[in-house]
Amino acid sequence: MNISVQSVHFDATAELKAFAEKKVSKLEKIADFIVDAEIILKVVKPEVANNKEASIKLNIKSGELFANKIADTFEEAIVLSVEALEKQVLKAKEKAQAK
């Protein structure tokens, strides 16, 4: 699976990019139909709490899955997004097996 990480309005550290890639790559263990993943990290309104946004788009063989979460830290937002995508991947896997 090819994973790309983009950061909007800030420069993401190598550790943050590695963390995001590690978390998203775990989804590949659930299903083998994931083609690639796009992770977009951005800071929303820097002066407030809960201003870190993580959007993850998974391109799968039958379409795409998307999750977008906002939290205090990028790590937390990434984890929440991956958890949401896990449910979507499992649902897509069930649909594929039903056909």
PDB file of N, CA and C in Angstrom:
ATOM      1  N   MET A   1       0.850  -1.181   0.000  1.00  0.00           N
ATOM      2  CA  MET A   1       0.000   0.000   0.000  1.00  0.00           C
ATOM      3  C   MET A   1       0.890   1.237   0.000  1.00  0.00           C
ATOM      4  N   ASN A   2       0.553   2.172  -0.864  1.00  0.00           N
ATOM      5  CA  ASN A   2       1.290   3.424  -0.956  1.00  0.00           C
ATOM      6  C   ASN A   2       0.631   4.456  -0.033  1.00  0.00           C
ATOM      7  N   ILE A   3       1.412   5.065   0.859  1.00  0.00           N
ATOM      8  CA  ILE A   3       0.869   6.035   1.816  1.00  0.00           C
ATOM      9  C   ILE A   3       1.537   7.381   1.592  1.00  0.00           C
ATOM     10  N   SER A   4       0.720   8.437   1.405  1.00  0.00           N
ATOM     11  CA  SER A   4       1.286   9.781   1.281  1.00  0.00           C
ATOM     12  C   SER A   4       0.782  10.646   2.431  1.00  0.00           C
ATOM     13  N   VAL A   5       1.671  11.467   2.983  1.00  0.00           N
ATOM     14  CA  VAL A   5       1.327  12.342   4.102  1.00  0.00           C
ATOM     15  C   VAL A   5       1.546  13.784   3.679  1.00  0.00           C
ATOM     16  N   GLN A   6       0.509  14.612   3.831  1.00  0.00           N
ATOM     17  CA  GLN A   6       0.613  16.039   3.526  1.00  0.00           C
ATOM     18  C   GLN A   6       0.332  16.823   4.801  1.00  0.00           C
ATOM     19  N   SER A   7       1.051  17.926   4.982  1.00  0.00           N
ATOM     20  CA  SER A   7       0.761  18.801   6.115  1.00  0.00           C
ATOM     21  C   SER A   7       0.423  20.187   5.575  1.00  0.00           C
ATOM     22  N   VAL A   8      -0.693  20.737   6.042  1.00  0.00           N
ATOM     23  CA  VAL A   8      -1.179  22.025   5.576  1.00  0.00           C
ATOM     24  C   VAL A   8      -0.967  23.064   6.674  1.00  0.00           C
ATOM     25  N   HIS A   9      -0.367  24.191   6.333  1.00  0.00           N
ATOM     26  CA  HIS A   9      -0.114  25.316   7.251  1.00  0.00           C
ATOM     27  C   HIS A   9       0.931  25.022   8.333  1.00  0.00           C
ATOM     28  N   PHE A  10       1.696  23.949   8.195  1.00  0.00           N
ATOM     29  CA  PHE A  10       2.797  23.658   9.111  1.00  0.00           C
ATOM     30  C   PHE A  10       3.672  22.575   8.493  1.00  0.00           C
ATOM     31  N   ASP A  11       4.862  22.397   9.055  1.00  0.00           N
ATOM     32  CA  ASP A  11       5.763  21.341   8.586  1.00  0.00           C
ATOM     33  C   ASP A  11       5.704  20.177   9.569  1.00  0.00           C
ATOM     34  N   ALA A  12       5.249  19.035   9.090  1.00  0.00           N
ATOM     35  CA  ALA A  12       5.155  17.850   9.950  1.00  0.00           C
ATOM     36  C   ALA A  12       6.548  17.276  10.196  1.00  0.00           C
ATOM     37  N   THR A  13       6.783  16.832  11.417  1.00  0.00           N
ATOM     38  CA  THR A  13       8.068  16.223  11.748  1.00  0.00           C
ATOM     39  C   THR A  13       8.124  14.814  11.164  1.00  0.00           C
ATOM     40  N   ALA A  14       9.319  14.293  11.041  1.00  0.00           N
ATOM     41  CA  ALA A  14       9.501  12.928  10.528  1.00  0.00           C
ATOM     42  C   ALA A  14       8.814  11.923  11.455  1.00  0.00           C
ATOM     43  N   GLU A  15       8.854  12.204  12.771  1.00  0.00           N
ATOM     44  CA  GLU A  15       8.224  11.301  13.748  1.00  0.00           C
ATOM     45  C   GLU A  15       6.705  11.257  13.540  1.00  0.00           C
ATOM     46  N   LEU A  16       6.101  12.434  13.295  1.00  0.00           N
ATOM     47  CA  LEU A  16       4.657  12.491  13.092  1.00  0.00           C
ATOM     48  C   LEU A  16       4.264  11.750  11.820  1.00  0.00           C
ATOM     49  N   LYS A  17       5.030  11.933  10.754  1.00  0.00           N
ATOM     50  CA  LYS A  17       4.752  11.229   9.503  1.00  0.00           C
ATOM     51  C   LYS A  17       4.890   9.721   9.685  1.00  0.00           C
ATOM     52  N   ALA A  18       5.937   9.308  10.401  1.00  0.00           N
ATOM     53  CA  ALA A  18       6.158   7.880  10.649  1.00  0.00           C
ATOM     54  C   ALA A  18       5.016   7.293  11.481  1.00  0.00           C
ATOM     55  N   PHE A  19       4.553   8.057  12.480  1.00  0.00           N
ATOM     56  CA  PHE A  19       3.435   7.618  13.331  1.00  0.00           C
ATOM     57  C   PHE A  19       2.185   7.407  12.486  1.00  0.00           C
ATOM     58  N   ALA A  20       1.887   8.386  11.619  1.00  0.00           N
ATOM     59  CA  ALA A  20       0.697   8.312  10.769  1.00  0.00           C
ATOM     60  C   ALA A  20       0.779   7.105   9.835  1.00  0.00           C
ATOM     61  N   GLU A  21       1.931   6.917   9.209  1.00  0.00           N
ATOM     62  CA  GLU A  21       2.100   5.790   8.285  1.00  0.00           C
ATOM     63  C   GLU A  21       1.967   4.455   9.001  1.00  0.00           C
ATOM     64  N   LYS A  22       2.520   4.373  10.212  1.00  0.00           N
ATOM     65  CA  LYS A  22       2.461   3.130  10.985  1.00  0.00           C
ATOM     66  C   LYS A  22       1.015   2.781  11.329  1.00  0.00           C
ATOM     67  N   LYS A  23       0.259   3.783  11.777  1.00  0.00           N
ATOM     68  CA  LYS A  23      -1.140   3.541  12.157  1.00  0.00           C
ATOM     69  C   LYS A  23      -1.989   3.133  10.955  1.00  0.00           C
ATOM     70  N   VAL A  24      -1.817   3.832   9.841  1.00  0.00           N
ATOM     71  CA  VAL A  24      -2.624   3.547   8.653  1.00  0.00           C
ATOM     72  C   VAL A  24      -2.242   2.198   8.039  1.00  0.00           C
ATOM     73  N   SER A  25      -0.963   1.841   8.108  1.00  0.00           N
ATOM     74  CA  SER A  25      -0.529   0.572   7.516  1.00  0.00           C
ATOM     75  C   SER A  25      -1.145  -0.628   8.246  1.00  0.00           C
ATOM     76  N   LYS A  26      -1.583  -0.454   9.491  1.00  0.00           N
ATOM     77  CA  LYS A  26      -2.235  -1.543  10.225  1.00  0.00           C
ATOM     78  C   LYS A  26      -3.554  -1.944   9.572  1.00  0.00           C
ATOM     79  N   LEU A  27      -4.172  -1.001   8.849  1.00  0.00           N
ATOM     80  CA  LEU A  27      -5.435  -1.313   8.169  1.00  0.00           C
ATOM     81  C   LEU A  27      -5.238  -2.361   7.086  1.00  0.00           C
ATOM     82  N   GLU A  28      -4.032  -2.426   6.551  1.00  0.00           N
ATOM     83  CA  GLU A  28      -3.731  -3.385   5.487  1.00  0.00           C
ATOM     84  C   GLU A  28      -3.823  -4.827   5.993  1.00  0.00           C
ATOM     85  N   LYS A  29      -3.618  -5.025   7.298  1.00  0.00           N
ATOM     86  CA  LYS A  29      -3.703  -6.367   7.875  1.00  0.00           C
ATOM     87  C   LYS A  29      -5.146  -6.863   7.910  1.00  0.00           C
ATOM     88  N   ILE A  30      -6.095  -5.911   7.967  1.00  0.00           N
ATOM     89  CA  ILE A  30      -7.512  -6.279   8.024  1.00  0.00           C
ATOM     90  C   ILE A  30      -8.007  -6.708   6.645  1.00  0.00           C
ATOM     91  N   ALA A  31      -7.622  -5.914   5.624  1.00  0.00           N
ATOM     92  CA  ALA A  31      -8.108  -6.199   4.272  1.00  0.00           C
ATOM     93  C   ALA A  31      -7.000  -5.964   3.261  1.00  0.00           C
ATOM     94  N   ASP A  32      -6.986  -6.798   2.225  1.00  0.00           N
ATOM     95  CA  ASP A  32      -5.929  -6.684   1.223  1.00  0.00           C
ATOM     96  C   ASP A  32      -6.360  -5.888  -0.008  1.00  0.00           C
ATOM     97  N   PHE A  33      -7.574  -5.318   0.011  1.00  0.00           N
ATOM     98  CA  PHE A  33      -8.066  -4.586  -1.157  1.00  0.00           C
ATOM     99  C   PHE A  33      -7.772  -3.086  -1.104  1.00  0.00           C
ATOM    100  N   ILE A  34      -6.985  -2.643  -0.137  1.00  0.00           N
ATOM    101  CA  ILE A  34      -6.632  -1.228  -0.034  1.00  0.00           C
ATOM    102  C   ILE A  34      -5.502  -0.933  -1.025  1.00  0.00           C
ATOM    103  N   VAL A  35      -5.737   0.022  -1.919  1.00  0.00           N
ATOM    104  CA  VAL A  35      -4.753   0.365  -2.944  1.00  0.00           C
ATOM    105  C   VAL A  35      -3.738   1.358  -2.397  1.00  0.00           C
ATOM    106  N   ASP A  36      -4.234   2.502  -1.903  1.00  0.00           N
ATOM    107  CA  ASP A  36      -3.336   3.485  -1.299  1.00  0.00           C
ATOM    108  C   ASP A  36      -4.074   4.355  -0.289  1.00  0.00           C
ATOM    109  N   ALA A  37      -3.305   5.167   0.434  1.00  0.00           N
ATOM    110  CA  ALA A  37      -3.873   6.020   1.474  1.00  0.00           C
ATOM    111  C   ALA A  37      -3.294   7.425   1.369  1.00  0.00           C
ATOM    112  N   GLU A  38      -4.161   8.422   1.579  1.00  0.00           N
ATOM    113  CA  GLU A  38      -3.738   9.818   1.612  1.00  0.00           C
ATOM    114  C   GLU A  38      -4.050  10.361   2.994  1.00  0.00           C
ATOM    115  N   ILE A  39      -3.039  10.871   3.675  1.00  0.00           N
ATOM    116  CA  ILE A  39      -3.232  11.445   5.002  1.00  0.00           C
ATOM    117  C   ILE A  39      -2.980  12.941   4.895  1.00  0.00           C
ATOM    118  N   ILE A  40      -3.960  13.740   5.311  1.00  0.00           N
ATOM    119  CA  ILE A  40      -3.801  15.190   5.280  1.00  0.00           C
ATOM    120  C   ILE A  40      -3.935  15.709   6.707  1.00  0.00           C
ATOM    121  N   LEU A  41      -2.874  16.345   7.183  1.00  0.00           N
ATOM    122  CA  LEU A  41      -2.853  16.911   8.530  1.00  0.00           C
ATOM    123  C   LEU A  41      -2.902  18.427   8.419  1.00  0.00           C
ATOM    124  N   LYS A  42      -3.816  19.065   9.179  1.00  0.00           N
ATOM    125  CA  LYS A  42      -3.814  20.519   9.147  1.00  0.00           C
ATOM    126  C   LYS A  42      -4.205  21.114  10.482  1.00  0.00           C
ATOM    127  N   VAL A  43      -3.730  22.339  10.698  1.00  0.00           N
ATOM    128  CA  VAL A  43      -4.036  23.089  11.910  1.00  0.00           C
ATOM    129  C   VAL A  43      -5.222  23.990  11.581  1.00  0.00           C
ATOM    130  N   VAL A  44      -6.276  23.857  12.371  1.00  0.00           N
ATOM    131  CA  VAL A  44      -7.465  24.674  12.172  1.00  0.00           C
ATOM    132  C   VAL A  44      -7.506  25.726  13.277  1.00  0.00           C
ATOM    133  N   LYS A  45      -7.614  26.974  12.938  1.00  0.00           N
ATOM    134  CA  LYS A  45      -7.675  28.062  13.912  1.00  0.00           C
ATOM    135  C   LYS A  45      -6.664  27.857  15.041  1.00  0.00           C
ATOM    136  N   PRO A  46      -5.424  28.245  14.844  1.00  0.00           N
ATOM    137  CA  PRO A  46      -4.351  27.957  15.802  1.00  0.00           C
ATOM    138  C   PRO A  46      -4.602  28.419  17.236  1.00  0.00           C
ATOM    139  N   GLU A  47      -5.515  29.370  17.450  1.00  0.00           N
ATOM    140  CA  GLU A  47      -5.672  29.917  18.801  1.00  0.00           C
ATOM    141  C   GLU A  47      -6.623  29.136  19.704  1.00  0.00           C
ATOM    142  N   VAL A  48      -7.247  28.064  19.215  1.00  0.00           N
ATOM    143  CA  VAL A  48      -8.180  27.307  20.042  1.00  0.00           C
ATOM    144  C   VAL A  48      -7.681  25.888  20.310  1.00  0.00           C
ATOM    145  N   ALA A  49      -8.235  25.270  21.363  1.00  0.00           N
ATOM    146  CA  ALA A  49      -7.927  23.861  21.635  1.00  0.00           C
ATOM    147  C   ALA A  49      -8.670  23.022  20.607  1.00  0.00           C
ATOM    148  N   ASN A  50      -8.359  21.733  20.540  1.00  0.00           N
ATOM    149  CA  ASN A  50      -8.969  20.852  19.540  1.00  0.00           C
ATOM    150  C   ASN A  50      -8.818  21.434  18.139  1.00  0.00           C
ATOM    151  N   ASN A  51      -7.588  21.782  17.777  1.00  0.00           N
ATOM    152  CA  ASN A  51      -7.372  22.429  16.479  1.00  0.00           C
ATOM    153  C   ASN A  51      -6.521  21.614  15.517  1.00  0.00           C
ATOM    154  N   LYS A  52      -6.292  20.345  15.819  1.00  0.00           N
ATOM    155  CA  LYS A  52      -5.490  19.490  14.943  1.00  0.00           C
ATOM    156  C   LYS A  52      -6.433  18.556  14.189  1.00  0.00           C
ATOM    157  N   GLU A  53      -6.397  18.623  12.870  1.00  0.00           N
ATOM    158  CA  GLU A  53      -7.307  17.836  12.039  1.00  0.00           C
ATOM    159  C   GLU A  53      -6.540  16.813  11.221  1.00  0.00           C
ATOM    160  N   ALA A  54      -7.036  15.582  11.239  1.00  0.00           N
ATOM    161  CA  ALA A  54      -6.445  14.516  10.431  1.00  0.00           C
ATOM    162  C   ALA A  54      -7.522  13.956   9.512  1.00  0.00           C
ATOM    163  N   SER A  55      -7.260  14.026   8.207  1.00  0.00           N
ATOM    164  CA  SER A  55      -8.172  13.452   7.209  1.00  0.00           C
ATOM    165  C   SER A  55      -7.438  12.306   6.526  1.00  0.00           C
ATOM    166  N   ILE A  56      -8.092  11.170   6.472  1.00  0.00           N
ATOM    167  CA  ILE A  56      -7.471  10.011   5.825  1.00  0.00           C
ATOM    168  C   ILE A  56      -8.426   9.473   4.770  1.00  0.00           C
ATOM    169  N   LYS A  57      -7.914   9.354   3.544  1.00  0.00           N
ATOM    170  CA  LYS A  57      -8.708   8.794   2.448  1.00  0.00           C
ATOM    171  C   LYS A  57      -8.034   7.509   1.996  1.00  0.00           C
ATOM    172  N   LEU A  58      -8.795   6.437   2.014  1.00  0.00           N
ATOM    173  CA  LEU A  58      -8.293   5.146   1.537  1.00  0.00           C
ATOM    174  C   LEU A  58      -8.909   4.857   0.175  1.00  0.00           C
ATOM    175  N   ASN A  59      -8.092   4.621  -0.817  1.00  0.00           N
ATOM    176  CA  ASN A  59      -8.591   4.179  -2.111  1.00  0.00           C
ATOM    177  C   ASN A  59      -8.593   2.654  -2.077  1.00  0.00           C
ATOM    178  N   ILE A  60      -9.782   2.092  -2.279  1.00  0.00           N
ATOM    179  CA  ILE A  60      -9.901   0.631  -2.300  1.00  0.00           C
ATOM    180  C   ILE A  60     -10.359   0.219  -3.695  1.00  0.00           C
ATOM    181  N   LYS A  61     -10.327  -1.069  -3.956  1.00  0.00           N
ATOM    182  CA  LYS A  61     -10.641  -1.555  -5.308  1.00  0.00           C
ATOM    183  C   LYS A  61     -12.056  -1.195  -5.746  1.00  0.00           C
ATOM    184  N   SER A  62     -12.988  -1.084  -4.793  1.00  0.00           N
ATOM    185  CA  SER A  62     -14.378  -0.813  -5.164  1.00  0.00           C
ATOM    186  C   SER A  62     -14.802   0.631  -4.890  1.00  0.00           C
ATOM    187  N   GLY A  63     -13.858   1.535  -4.640  1.00  0.00           N
ATOM    188  CA  GLY A  63     -14.211   2.936  -4.368  1.00  0.00           C
ATOM    189  C   GLY A  63     -13.235   3.586  -3.408  1.00  0.00           C
ATOM    190  N   GLU A  64     -13.772   4.383  -2.479  1.00  0.00           N
ATOM    191  CA  GLU A  64     -12.895   4.989  -1.476  1.00  0.00           C
ATOM    192  C   GLU A  64     -13.597   5.123  -0.140  1.00  0.00           C
ATOM    193  N   LEU A  65     -12.791   5.132   0.918  1.00  0.00           N
ATOM    194  CA  LEU A  65     -13.277   5.304   2.281  1.00  0.00           C
ATOM    195  C   LEU A  65     -12.615   6.558   2.844  1.00  0.00           C
ATOM    196  N   PHE A  66     -13.329   7.286   3.708  1.00  0.00           N
ATOM    197  CA  PHE A  66     -12.807   8.554   4.208  1.00  0.00           C
ATOM    198  C   PHE A  66     -13.154   8.743   5.679  1.00  0.00           C
ATOM    199  N   ALA A  67     -12.213   9.311   6.425  1.00  0.00           N
ATOM    200  CA  ALA A  67     -12.467   9.676   7.826  1.00  0.00           C
ATOM    201  C   ALA A  67     -11.755  10.991   8.115  1.00  0.00           C
ATOM    202  N   ASN A  68     -12.411  11.836   8.899  1.00  0.00           N
ATOM    203  CA  ASN A  68     -11.871  13.150   9.229  1.00  0.00           C
ATOM    204  C   ASN A  68     -12.156  13.407  10.704  1.00  0.00           C
ATOM    205  N   LYS A  69     -11.118  13.582  11.503  1.00  0.00           N
ATOM    206  CA  LYS A  69     -11.299  13.798  12.943  1.00  0.00           C
ATOM    207  C   LYS A  69     -10.469  14.983  13.412  1.00  0.00           C
ATOM    208  N   ILE A  70     -10.978  15.677  14.430  1.00  0.00           N
ATOM    209  CA  ILE A  70     -10.280  16.819  15.023  1.00  0.00           C
ATOM    210  C   ILE A  70     -10.051  16.511  16.505  1.00  0.00           C
ATOM    211  N   ALA A  71      -8.832  16.792  16.989  1.00  0.00           N
ATOM    212  CA  ALA A  71      -8.493  16.513  18.386  1.00  0.00           C
ATOM    213  C   ALA A  71      -7.434  17.508  18.873  1.00  0.00           C
ATOM    214  N   ASP A  72      -6.994  17.332  20.132  1.00  0.00           N
ATOM    215  CA  ASP A  72      -5.962  18.204  20.723  1.00  0.00           C
ATOM    216  C   ASP A  72      -4.600  18.004  20.079  1.00  0.00           C
ATOM    217  N   THR A  73      -4.311  16.750  19.706  1.00  0.00           N
ATOM    218  CA  THR A  73      -3.012  16.450  19.105  1.00  0.00           C
ATOM    219  C   THR A  73      -3.229  15.717  17.786  1.00  0.00           C
ATOM    220  N   PHE A  74      -2.225  15.794  16.916  1.00  0.00           N
ATOM    221  CA  PHE A  74      -2.321  15.086  15.643  1.00  0.00           C
ATOM    222  C   PHE A  74      -2.378  13.584  15.873  1.00  0.00           C
ATOM    223  N   GLU A  75      -1.606  13.097  16.849  1.00  0.00           N
ATOM    224  CA  GLU A  75      -1.589  11.658  17.123  1.00  0.00           C
ATOM    225  C   GLU A  75      -2.987  11.159  17.479  1.00  0.00           C
ATOM    226  N   GLU A  76      -3.668  11.921  18.346  1.00  0.00           N
ATOM    227  CA  GLU A  76      -5.018  11.533  18.768  1.00  0.00           C
ATOM    228  C   GLU A  76      -5.991  11.564  17.586  1.00  0.00           C
ATOM    229  N   ALA A  77      -5.888  12.592  16.756  1.00  0.00           N
ATOM    230  CA  ALA A  77      -6.762  12.713  15.581  1.00  0.00           C
ATOM    231  C   ALA A  77      -6.510  11.568  14.602  1.00  0.00           C
ATOM    232  N   ILE A  78      -5.249  11.192  14.430  1.00  0.00           N
ATOM    233  CA  ILE A  78      -4.902  10.075  13.536  1.00  0.00           C
ATOM    234  C   ILE A  78      -5.490   8.769  14.064  1.00  0.00           C
ATOM    235  N   VAL A  79      -5.324   8.533  15.367  1.00  0.00           N
ATOM    236  CA  VAL A  79      -5.847   7.300  15.969  1.00  0.00           C
ATOM    237  C   VAL A  79      -7.365   7.231  15.811  1.00  0.00           C
ATOM    238  N   LEU A  80      -8.064   8.344  16.055  1.00  0.00           N
ATOM    239  CA  LEU A  80      -9.526   8.370  15.915  1.00  0.00           C
ATOM    240  C   LEU A  80      -9.947   8.111  14.466  1.00  0.00           C
ATOM    241  N   SER A  81      -9.220   8.695  13.522  1.00  0.00           N
ATOM    242  CA  SER A  81      -9.525   8.492  12.098  1.00  0.00           C
ATOM    243  C   SER A  81      -9.314   7.038  11.696  1.00  0.00           C
ATOM    244  N   VAL A  82      -8.218   6.451  12.161  1.00  0.00           N
ATOM    245  CA  VAL A  82      -7.920   5.054  11.825  1.00  0.00           C
ATOM    246  C   VAL A  82      -8.989   4.124  12.420  1.00  0.00           C
ATOM    247  N   GLU A  83      -9.450   4.436  13.645  1.00  0.00           N
ATOM    248  CA  GLU A  83     -10.504   3.618  14.259  1.00  0.00           C
ATOM    249  C   GLU A  83     -11.788   3.686  13.433  1.00  0.00           C
ATOM    250  N   ALA A  84     -12.122   4.885  12.955  1.00  0.00           N
ATOM    251  CA  ALA A  84     -13.324   5.045  12.125  1.00  0.00           C
ATOM    252  C   ALA A  84     -13.167   4.275  10.809  1.00  0.00           C
ATOM    253  N   LEU A  85     -11.970   4.340  10.227  1.00  0.00           N
ATOM    254  CA  LEU A  85     -11.724   3.631   8.970  1.00  0.00           C
ATOM    255  C   LEU A  85     -11.738   2.122   9.153  1.00  0.00           C
ATOM    256  N   GLU A  86     -11.296   1.663  10.338  1.00  0.00           N
ATOM    257  CA  GLU A  86     -11.307   0.229  10.625  1.00  0.00           C
ATOM    258  C   GLU A  86     -12.717  -0.331  10.457  1.00  0.00           C
ATOM    259  N   LYS A  87     -13.693   0.393  11.017  1.00  0.00           N
ATOM    260  CA  LYS A  87     -15.092  -0.031  10.916  1.00  0.00           C
ATOM    261  C   LYS A  87     -15.542  -0.053   9.457  1.00  0.00           C
ATOM    262  N   GLN A  88     -15.149   0.989   8.705  1.00  0.00           N
ATOM    263  CA  GLN A  88     -15.535   1.066   7.295  1.00  0.00           C
ATOM    264  C   GLN A  88     -14.896  -0.059   6.477  1.00  0.00           C
ATOM    265  N   VAL A  89     -13.632  -0.368   6.775  1.00  0.00           N
ATOM    266  CA  VAL A  89     -12.931  -1.432   6.051  1.00  0.00           C
ATOM    267  C   VAL A  89     -13.601  -2.782   6.334  1.00  0.00           C
ATOM    268  N   LEU A  90     -13.940  -3.018   7.601  1.00  0.00           N
ATOM    269  CA  LEU A  90     -14.605  -4.282   7.947  1.00  0.00           C
ATOM    270  C   LEU A  90     -15.951  -4.393   7.246  1.00  0.00           C
ATOM    271  N   LYS A  91     -16.692  -3.283   7.172  1.00  0.00           N
ATOM    272  CA  LYS A  91     -17.993  -3.290   6.497  1.00  0.00           C
ATOM    273  C   LYS A  91     -17.821  -3.567   5.000  1.00  0.00           C
ATOM    274  N   ALA A  92     -16.809  -2.927   4.399  1.00  0.00           N
ATOM    275  CA  ALA A  92     -16.548  -3.139   2.969  1.00  0.00           C
ATOM    276  C   ALA A  92     -16.122  -4.590   2.715  1.00  0.00           C
ATOM    277  N   LYS A  93     -15.361  -5.158   3.657  1.00  0.00           N
ATOM    278  CA  LYS A  93     -14.913  -6.552   3.520  1.00  0.00           C
ATOM    279  C   LYS A  93     -16.105  -7.505   3.588  1.00  0.00           C
ATOM    280  N   GLU A  94     -17.042  -7.230   4.512  1.00  0.00           N
ATOM    281  CA  GLU A  94     -18.238  -8.055   4.618  1.00  0.00           C
ATOM    282  C   GLU A  94     -19.059  -7.984   3.334  1.00  0.00           C
ATOM    283  N   LYS A  95     -19.186  -6.773   2.796  1.00  0.00           N
ATOM    284  CA  LYS A  95     -19.938  -6.587   1.537  1.00  0.00           C
ATOM    285  C   LYS A  95     -19.303  -7.374   0.407  1.00  0.00           C
ATOM    286  N   ALA A  96     -17.974  -7.314   0.319  1.00  0.00           N
ATOM    287  CA  ALA A  96     -17.262  -8.013  -0.745  1.00  0.00           C
ATOM    288  C   ALA A  96     -17.441  -9.531  -0.621  1.00  0.00           C
ATOM    289  N   GLN A  97     -17.431 -10.028   0.619  1.00  0.00           N
ATOM    290  CA  GLN A  97     -17.576 -11.467   0.824  1.00  0.00           C
ATOM    291  C   GLN A  97     -19.008 -11.920   0.541  1.00  0.00           C
ATOM    292  N   ALA A  98     -19.980 -11.026   0.733  1.00  0.00           N
ATOM    293  CA  ALA A  98     -21.380 -11.374   0.507  1.00  0.00           C
ATOM    294  C   ALA A  98     -21.677 -11.537  -0.983  1.00  0.00           C
ATOM    295  N   LYS A  99     -20.891 -10.883  -1.825  1.00  0.00           N
ATOM    296  CA  LYS A  99     -21.162 -10.938  -3.275  1.00  0.00           C
ATOM    297  C   LYS A  99     -20.716 -12.245  -3.898  1.00  0.00           C
TER     298      LYS A  99
END
